[in-house]
C-alpha atoms as a PDB file:
ATOM      1  CA  MET A   1      23.294 -19.190  17.435  1.00  0.00           C
ATOM      2  CA  ARG A   2      21.268 -17.577  14.547  1.00  0.00           C
ATOM      3  CA  PRO A   3      23.224 -20.001  11.709  1.00  0.00           C
ATOM      4  CA  LEU A   4      22.365 -22.996  13.979  1.00  0.00           C
ATOM      5  CA  PHE A   5      18.855 -22.455  13.998  1.00  0.00           C
ATOM      6  CA  ARG A   6      18.588 -21.308  10.390  1.00  0.00           C
ATOM      7  CA  SER A   7      20.646 -24.444   9.484  1.00  0.00           C
ATOM      8  CA  ARG A   8      17.698 -26.333  11.477  1.00  0.00           C
ATOM      9  CA  ILE A   9      14.973 -24.789   9.491  1.00  0.00           C
ATOM     10  CA  ARG A  10      16.849 -25.135   5.993  1.00  0.00           C
ATOM     11  CA  ARG A  11      16.746 -29.020   6.789  1.00  0.00           C
ATOM     12  CA  THR A  12      13.358 -29.446   8.602  1.00  0.00           C
ATOM     13  CA  TYR A  13      11.524 -26.998   5.812  1.00  0.00           C
ATOM     14  CA  PRO A  14      13.165 -27.244   2.589  1.00  0.00           C
ATOM     15  CA  ILE A  15      10.691 -25.409   1.302  1.00  0.00           C
ATOM     16  CA  ILE A  16      11.791 -21.848   3.205  1.00  0.00           C
ATOM     17  CA  ARG A  17      15.244 -22.616   1.675  1.00  0.00           C
ATOM     18  CA  LEU A  18      13.904 -22.710  -2.000  1.00  0.00           C
ATOM     19  CA  ALA A  19      12.293 -19.052  -0.728  1.00  0.00           C
ATOM     20  CA  TRP A  20      14.830 -18.111   0.558  1.00  0.00           C
ATOM     21  CA  GLN A  21      17.553 -18.927  -2.949  1.00  0.00           C
ATOM     22  CA  LYS A  22      15.086 -17.459  -5.042  1.00  0.00           C
ATOM     23  CA  GLY A  23      13.188 -15.155  -3.673  1.00  0.00           C
ATOM     24  CA  CYS A  24       9.118 -14.041  -4.459  1.00  0.00           C
ATOM     25  CA  ASP A  25      10.044 -11.005  -7.130  1.00  0.00           C
ATOM     26  CA  LEU A  26       6.740 -10.521  -9.007  1.00  0.00           C
ATOM     27  CA  ASP A  27       6.004  -8.583 -11.552  1.00  0.00           C
ATOM     28  CA  TYR A  28       3.265  -5.952 -11.391  1.00  0.00           C
ATOM     29  CA  ASN A  29       0.871  -6.665 -14.171  1.00  0.00           C
ATOM     30  CA  GLU A  30       1.398 -10.161 -12.820  1.00  0.00           C
ATOM     31  CA  ALA A  31      -0.086  -9.310  -9.559  1.00  0.00           C
ATOM     32  CA  LEU A  32      -2.805  -7.020 -10.916  1.00  0.00           C
ATOM     33  CA  PRO A  33      -5.328  -9.022 -10.855  1.00  0.00           C
ATOM     34  CA  PHE A  34      -5.045  -9.946  -7.051  1.00  0.00           C
ATOM     35  CA  LEU A  35      -4.298  -6.241  -6.357  1.00  0.00           C
ATOM     36  CA  GLN A  36      -7.260  -5.297  -8.031  1.00  0.00           C
ATOM     37  CA  GLU A  37      -9.783  -7.378  -6.163  1.00  0.00           C
ATOM     38  CA  ASN A  38      -7.809  -7.687  -2.759  1.00  0.00           C
ATOM     39  CA  HIS A  39      -8.192  -3.458  -1.372  1.00  0.00           C
ATOM     40  CA  LEU A  40      -6.843  -4.975   2.209  1.00  0.00           C
ATOM     41  CA  ALA A  41      -3.889  -3.893   3.300  1.00  0.00           C
ATOM     42  CA  VAL A  42      -1.065  -3.058   5.776  1.00  0.00           C
ATOM     43  CA  ILE A  43       1.068   0.233   4.873  1.00  0.00           C
ATOM     44  CA  THR A  44       4.328   0.731   6.541  1.00  0.00           C
ATOM     45  CA  THR A  45       6.536   4.102   6.630  1.00  0.00           C
ATOM     46  CA  VAL A  46       9.350   5.110   8.391  1.00  0.00           C
ATOM     47  CA  GLY A  47       9.223   7.321  11.703  1.00  0.00           C
ATOM     48  CA  SER A  48      11.844  10.249  12.236  1.00  0.00           C
ATOM     49  CA  SER A  49      12.899   7.939  14.768  1.00  0.00           C
ATOM     50  CA  GLY A  50      14.201   5.212  12.300  1.00  0.00           C
ATOM     51  CA  ARG A  51      11.318   3.343  13.596  1.00  0.00           C
ATOM     52  CA  ALA A  52       8.566   1.130  10.923  1.00  0.00           C
ATOM     53  CA  GLN A  53       5.343   2.813  11.998  1.00  0.00           C
ATOM     54  CA  SER A  54       2.417   0.483  10.024  1.00  0.00           C
ATOM     55  CA  THR A  55      -1.215   1.130  10.070  1.00  0.00           C
ATOM     56  CA  VAL A  56      -4.711  -0.751   8.063  1.00  0.00           C
ATOM     57  CA  VAL A  57      -6.022   0.436   5.350  1.00  0.00           C
ATOM     58  CA  ARG A  58      -8.071  -0.245   2.110  1.00  0.00           C
ATOM     59  CA  ALA A  59      -5.349   0.219  -0.740  1.00  0.00           C
ATOM     60  CA  GLY A  60      -6.023  -0.853  -4.767  1.00  0.00           C
ATOM     61  CA  ALA A  61      -4.033  -0.771  -8.024  1.00  0.00           C
ATOM     62  CA  TYR A  62      -4.478   2.613  -9.259  1.00  0.00           C
ATOM     63  CA  ASP A  63      -2.939   3.890 -13.192  1.00  0.00           C
ATOM     64  CA  GLY A  64      -0.349   1.417 -12.794  1.00  0.00           C
ATOM     65  CA  LYS A  65       0.730   2.179  -8.883  1.00  0.00           C
ATOM     66  CA  MET A  66      -0.723   1.931  -5.155  1.00  0.00           C
ATOM     67  CA  ALA A  67      -2.315   4.254  -3.982  1.00  0.00           C
ATOM     68  CA  PHE A  68      -4.413   4.957  -0.739  1.00  0.00           C
ATOM     69  CA  VAL A  69      -6.414   7.558   1.393  1.00  0.00           C
ATOM     70  CA  SER A  70      -6.057   8.600   4.314  1.00  0.00           C
ATOM     71  CA  ARG A  71      -5.978  12.072   6.395  1.00  0.00           C
ATOM     72  CA  GLU A  72      -3.337  15.050   6.599  1.00  0.00           C
ATOM     73  CA  PRO A  73      -2.319  15.492   9.462  1.00  0.00           C
ATOM     74  CA  THR A  74      -2.029  11.364   9.730  1.00  0.00           C
ATOM     75  CA  VAL A  75       1.618   9.982  10.570  1.00  0.00           C
ATOM     76  CA  LYS A  76       1.807   7.852   7.773  1.00  0.00           C
ATOM     77  CA  VAL A  77       1.189  10.955   5.663  1.00  0.00           C
ATOM     78  CA  LYS A  78       3.869  13.226   7.620  1.00  0.00           C
ATOM     79  CA  ASN A  79       6.211  10.012   6.921  1.00  0.00           C
ATOM     80  CA  VAL A  80       5.614  10.067   3.490  1.00  0.00           C
ATOM     81  CA  ARG A  81       6.160  13.336   2.483  1.00  0.00           C
ATOM     82  CA  ARG A  82       9.494  13.506   5.232  1.00  0.00           C
ATOM     83  CA  GLY A  83      10.922  10.017   3.638  1.00  0.00           C
ATOM     84  CA  GLY A  84       9.402   9.613   0.160  1.00  0.00           C
ATOM     85  CA  ARG A  85       8.944   6.153   0.503  1.00  0.00           C
ATOM     86  CA  CYS A  86       5.948   3.193   1.614  1.00  0.00           C
ATOM     87  CA  VAL A  87       5.444  -0.214   1.274  1.00  0.00           C
ATOM     88  CA  VAL A  88       1.905  -1.389   1.044  1.00  0.00           C
ATOM     89  CA  THR A  89       0.867  -5.409   1.531  1.00  0.00           C
ATOM     90  CA  SER A  90      -2.564  -6.488   0.501  1.00  0.00           C
ATOM     91  CA  ILE A  91      -3.560  -9.092   1.731  1.00  0.00           C
ATOM     92  CA  LYS A  92      -6.471 -12.022   1.023  1.00  0.00           C
ATOM     93  CA  PRO A  93      -7.519 -12.883   4.446  1.00  0.00           C
ATOM     94  CA  ASP A  94      -9.646 -16.278   3.754  1.00  0.00           C
ATOM     95  CA  ASN A  95      -6.426 -17.749   2.948  1.00  0.00           C
ATOM     96  CA  THR A  96      -2.878 -15.079   3.462  1.00  0.00           C
ATOM     97  CA  ARG A  97      -2.092 -14.632   0.176  1.00  0.00           C
ATOM     98  CA  PHE A  98      -0.731 -11.432   0.114  1.00  0.00           C
ATOM     99  CA  VAL A  99       1.454  -9.075  -2.441  1.00  0.00           C
ATOM    100  CA  THR A 100       3.975  -6.377  -1.802  1.00  0.00           C
ATOM    101  CA  VAL A 101       4.961  -2.935  -3.938  1.00  0.00           C
ATOM    102  CA  GLU A 102       7.226  -1.352  -2.355  1.00  0.00           C
ATOM    103  CA  GLY A 103       8.842   2.273  -3.696  1.00  0.00           C
ATOM    104  CA  PRO A 104       9.028   5.757  -3.498  1.00  0.00           C
ATOM    105  CA  ALA A 105       5.618   7.223  -2.682  1.00  0.00           C
ATOM    106  CA  ALA A 106       4.171  10.684  -3.227  1.00  0.00           C
ATOM    107  CA  VAL A 107       0.969  12.904  -1.254  1.00  0.00           C
ATOM    108  CA  THR A 108      -1.893  14.527  -3.179  1.00  0.00           C
ATOM    109  CA  SER A 109      -3.540  16.795  -1.083  1.00  0.00           C
ATOM    110  CA  LEU A 110      -5.078  20.058  -1.583  1.00  0.00           C
ATOM    111  CA  GLY A 111      -2.088  22.445  -1.227  1.00  0.00           C
ATOM    112  CA  ASP A 112      -0.849  20.188  -4.428  1.00  0.00           C
ATOM    113  CA  VAL A 113      -3.351  20.639  -6.723  1.00  0.00           C
ATOM    114  CA  SER A 114      -6.826  22.219  -7.430  1.00  0.00           C
ATOM    115  CA  ASP A 115      -9.714  21.944  -5.753  1.00  0.00           C
ATOM    116  CA  ASP A 116     -11.725  19.991  -8.614  1.00  0.00           C
ATOM    117  CA  ASP A 117      -8.539  17.693  -9.354  1.00  0.00           C
ATOM    118  CA  LEU A 118      -7.893  16.661  -5.717  1.00  0.00           C
ATOM    119  CA  LEU A 119     -11.520  16.266  -6.060  1.00  0.00           C
ATOM    120  CA  SER A 120     -11.500  13.579  -9.000  1.00  0.00           C
ATOM    121  CA  LEU A 121      -8.847  11.608  -8.240  1.00  0.00           C
ATOM    122  CA  LEU A 122      -9.869  11.164  -4.728  1.00  0.00           C
ATOM    123  CA  ARG A 123     -13.241   9.531  -6.451  1.00  0.00           C
ATOM    124  CA  ASP A 124     -10.906   7.592  -8.701  1.00  0.00           C
ATOM    125  CA  VAL A 125      -9.159   5.719  -5.930  1.00  0.00           C
ATOM    126  CA  TYR A 126     -12.238   5.622  -3.883  1.00  0.00           C
ATOM    127  CA  THR A 127     -13.199   3.249  -6.342  1.00  0.00           C
ATOM    128  CA  ALA A 128     -10.003   1.677  -6.925  1.00  0.00           C
ATOM    129  CA  VAL A 129      -9.703   0.428  -3.488  1.00  0.00           C
ATOM    130  CA  GLY A 130     -13.338  -0.815  -4.272  1.00  0.00           C
ATOM    131  CA  ARG A 131     -15.549   2.061  -2.002  1.00  0.00           C
ATOM    132  CA  PRO A 132     -16.977   3.457  -4.049  1.00  0.00           C
ATOM    133  CA  PRO A 133     -19.811   5.759  -1.965  1.00  0.00           C
ATOM    134  CA  SER A 134     -23.007   4.686  -1.959  1.00  0.00           C
ATOM    135  CA  SER A 135     -23.964   8.550  -2.835  1.00  0.00           C
ATOM    136  CA  TRP A 136     -21.546  11.011  -4.317  1.00  0.00           C
ATOM    137  CA  ASP A 137     -23.930  14.052  -3.171  1.00  0.00           C
ATOM    138  CA  GLY A 138     -21.899  14.412   0.399  1.00  0.00           C
ATOM    139  CA  PHE A 139     -18.971  12.869  -0.879  1.00  0.00           C
ATOM    140  CA  ASP A 140     -16.788  16.563  -1.901  1.00  0.00           C
ATOM    141  CA  GLY A 141     -17.762  17.809   1.133  1.00  0.00           C
ATOM    142  CA  SER A 142     -16.509  15.378   3.115  1.00  0.00           C
ATOM    143  CA  MET A 143     -14.118  15.143   1.846  1.00  0.00           C
ATOM    144  CA  ARG A 144     -13.131  17.899   2.137  1.00  0.00           C
ATOM    145  CA  LYS A 145     -14.034  18.096   5.738  1.00  0.00           C
ATOM    146  CA  GLU A 146     -11.435  15.167   6.546  1.00  0.00           C
ATOM    147  CA  GLN A 147      -8.493  16.946   4.820  1.00  0.00           C
ATOM    148  CA  ARG A 148      -8.514  13.886   2.500  1.00  0.00           C
ATOM    149  CA  CYS A 149      -5.752  13.442   0.817  1.00  0.00           C
ATOM    150  CA  VAL A 150      -4.286  10.322  -1.932  1.00  0.00           C
ATOM    151  CA  VAL A 151      -0.711   8.578  -1.484  1.00  0.00           C
ATOM    152  CA  ILE A 152       0.479   7.283  -5.141  1.00  0.00           C
ATOM    153  CA  VAL A 153       3.074   4.538  -4.304  1.00  0.00           C
ATOM    154  CA  GLU A 154       5.178   3.853  -7.749  1.00  0.00           C
ATOM    155  CA  PRO A 155       6.139   0.014  -8.134  1.00  0.00           C
ATOM    156  CA  GLU A 156      10.421  -0.177  -7.582  1.00  0.00           C
ATOM    157  CA  ARG A 157       9.687  -3.783  -5.986  1.00  0.00           C
ATOM    158  CA  VAL A 158       6.789  -6.256  -5.863  1.00  0.00           C
ATOM    159  CA  TYR A 159       6.674  -9.519  -4.212  1.00  0.00           C
ATOM    160  CA  GLY A 160       4.129 -11.744  -2.406  1.00  0.00           C
ATOM    161  CA  SER A 161       2.782 -14.663  -2.486  1.00  0.00           C
ATOM    162  CA  ILE A 162      -0.120 -15.533  -4.628  1.00  0.00           C
END
């Protein structure tokens, strides 16, 4: 039944056939302007059961990679620590264009680096995701209290529709 369904779609919508054949792979540098302007993203990790776990975050291009901030005890952070991979799909809501970055991921938290290094990284990533605080005065204290960490995804595969 599935092959019939696919062939019917390919006859009816030839553009889908073209996309299946060519793919939508992009170079990271080609996608960079889109990633720098569009910070609404869905990240996907894989849980211990093997099921996908997705959530909405603000993500952005940072130092040739993708980055987002999270609280340390969340499921997504635990999944990245265990599985070492993450998928980030940045979306432009007004026209549904998107770029997906897949690759190995690492979590940087207070136990991994010094307090000053983590706070500096958090400031940089908050700025990269288009969310610099209006005042940096209470930033450090709230980051410590909320146990914030940074997840960085190395682009292994980049694709989308921009």
